[in-house]
Amino acid sequence: MTLDSCAMSIFEMLRLEVCNTKSRLKILLDDEIVQLVHSYDPQNFGNFTEIASGGSALVYNVYWKSTSRFAIKKYKSFNKEAIINEIYLTGMVNPHQNIIQFYGVTKLK
């Protein structure tokens, strides 16, 4: 089994569930929590300015509660597996100083 096929099989087993508080999501691997993710209310974001676009997503500069500035990545099409994999991988490298900090998810219309 190659490293790529091993990684693919792990990503295929990841799943997302809502926690009891509804402000957090959990990523599970074999029914074990491997990551907790904060879920933000989309109504708290405003002043969207597109700053980048790619094949699968748009990136916006936004303000949260009119004070803090964040970047939001909005996917052009919904692919649940790809999104869960990206959240999981981003969370794994989150503490690295050269990686943009990942704070959580929201659902934009």
Protein backbone atom coordinates (compact mmCIF):
# COMPACT_ATOMS: atom_id res chain seq x y z
CA MET A 1 0.00 0.00 0.00
CA THR A 2 1.46 3.37 -0.98
CA LEU A 3 1.41 6.49 1.18
CA ASP A 4 -1.10 8.09 -1.21
CA SER A 5 -3.51 5.15 -1.04
CA CYS A 6 -3.16 5.02 2.76
CA ALA A 7 -3.95 8.75 3.03
CA MET A 8 -6.92 8.38 0.68
CA SER A 9 -8.38 5.58 2.78
CA ILE A 10 -8.11 7.74 5.94
CA PHE A 11 -9.84 10.68 4.23
CA GLU A 12 -12.63 8.43 3.02
CA MET A 13 -13.33 7.45 6.65
CA LEU A 14 -13.57 11.02 8.00
CA ARG A 15 -17.03 12.33 8.79
CA LEU A 16 -18.53 15.47 10.25
CA GLU A 17 -21.12 15.75 13.04
CA VAL A 18 -22.71 18.64 14.92
CA CYS A 19 -21.90 18.81 18.65
CA ASN A 20 -24.61 19.39 21.24
CA THR A 21 -23.78 23.11 21.44
CA LYS A 22 -24.33 23.67 17.68
CA SER A 23 -21.47 26.18 17.74
CA ARG A 24 -18.99 23.34 17.27
CA LEU A 25 -18.58 20.55 14.77
CA LYS A 26 -16.59 17.40 15.31
CA ILE A 27 -14.57 15.50 12.75
CA LEU A 28 -14.63 11.78 13.46
CA LEU A 29 -12.42 8.94 12.33
CA ASP A 30 -13.75 5.48 13.21
CA ASP A 31 -16.26 7.10 15.62
CA GLU A 32 -13.43 8.81 17.53
CA ILE A 33 -13.23 12.61 17.65
CA VAL A 34 -10.02 13.72 15.93
CA GLN A 35 -10.80 17.43 15.71
CA LEU A 36 -13.27 20.02 17.03
CA VAL A 37 -14.15 22.93 14.75
CA HIS A 38 -15.92 26.16 15.72
CA SER A 39 -19.03 26.99 13.68
CA TYR A 40 -19.75 30.73 13.26
CA ASP A 41 -23.13 32.34 12.62
CA PRO A 42 -22.96 33.74 9.05
CA GLN A 43 -25.01 36.80 10.06
CA ASN A 44 -22.03 38.07 12.10
CA PHE A 45 -19.94 38.57 8.94
CA GLY A 46 -20.15 41.63 6.72
CA ASN A 47 -18.36 43.89 4.22
CA PHE A 48 -17.37 41.09 1.83
CA THR A 49 -14.57 42.01 -0.59
CA GLU A 50 -13.33 39.35 -3.02
CA ILE A 51 -9.53 39.08 -2.77
CA ALA A 52 -8.79 35.87 -4.71
CA SER A 53 -10.39 33.13 -6.77
CA GLY A 54 -9.35 29.71 -7.93
CA GLY A 55 -10.79 26.68 -9.64
CA SER A 56 -12.81 25.51 -6.65
CA ALA A 57 -13.25 28.53 -4.37
CA LEU A 58 -13.44 32.28 -3.87
CA VAL A 59 -11.65 34.06 -1.02
CA TYR A 60 -13.17 37.11 0.64
CA ASN A 61 -11.87 39.67 3.11
CA VAL A 62 -14.67 40.08 5.70
CA TYR A 63 -15.35 41.68 9.05
CA TRP A 64 -16.73 39.66 11.93
CA LYS A 65 -19.09 41.62 14.21
CA SER A 66 -17.80 44.79 12.48
CA THR A 67 -14.47 44.57 14.33
CA SER A 68 -12.12 41.70 13.48
CA ARG A 69 -10.96 41.10 9.91
CA PHE A 70 -10.86 37.56 8.51
CA ALA A 71 -10.48 35.76 5.20
CA ILE A 72 -13.31 33.42 4.22
CA LYS A 73 -13.00 30.71 1.59
CA LYS A 74 -16.29 30.03 -0.20
CA TYR A 75 -16.47 26.89 -2.31
CA LYS A 76 -17.97 27.23 -5.79
CA SER A 77 -19.58 23.81 -5.59
CA PHE A 78 -20.43 21.63 -2.61
CA ASN A 79 -18.26 18.53 -2.20
CA LYS A 80 -18.67 17.42 1.41
CA GLU A 81 -15.72 14.97 1.38
CA ALA A 82 -13.31 17.53 -0.08
CA ILE A 83 -14.39 20.18 2.43
CA ILE A 84 -14.05 17.82 5.42
CA ASN A 85 -10.60 16.74 4.19
CA GLU A 86 -9.45 20.34 3.83
CA ILE A 87 -10.74 21.28 7.30
CA TYR A 88 -8.97 18.24 8.78
CA LEU A 89 -5.66 18.93 7.04
CA THR A 90 -5.78 22.65 7.83
CA GLY A 91 -6.38 21.84 11.48
CA MET A 92 -3.37 19.53 11.52
CA VAL A 93 -0.98 22.28 10.32
CA ASN A 94 -2.77 25.12 12.14
CA PRO A 95 -0.06 25.87 14.72
CA HIS A 96 2.63 26.39 12.06
CA GLN A 97 3.83 30.00 11.83
CA ASN A 98 3.86 30.01 8.01
CA ILE A 99 0.25 28.80 7.65
CA ILE A 100 -2.75 31.12 7.87
CA GLN A 101 -4.61 30.42 11.12
CA PHE A 102 -7.82 28.38 10.74
CA TYR A 103 -10.60 29.57 13.10
CA GLY A 104 -13.66 27.63 11.98
CA VAL A 105 -16.48 27.32 9.47
CA THR A 106 -19.68 29.11 8.52
CA LYS A 107 -22.39 28.48 5.98
CA LEU A 108 -22.81 31.28 3.45
CA LYS A 109 -25.63 31.53 0.94
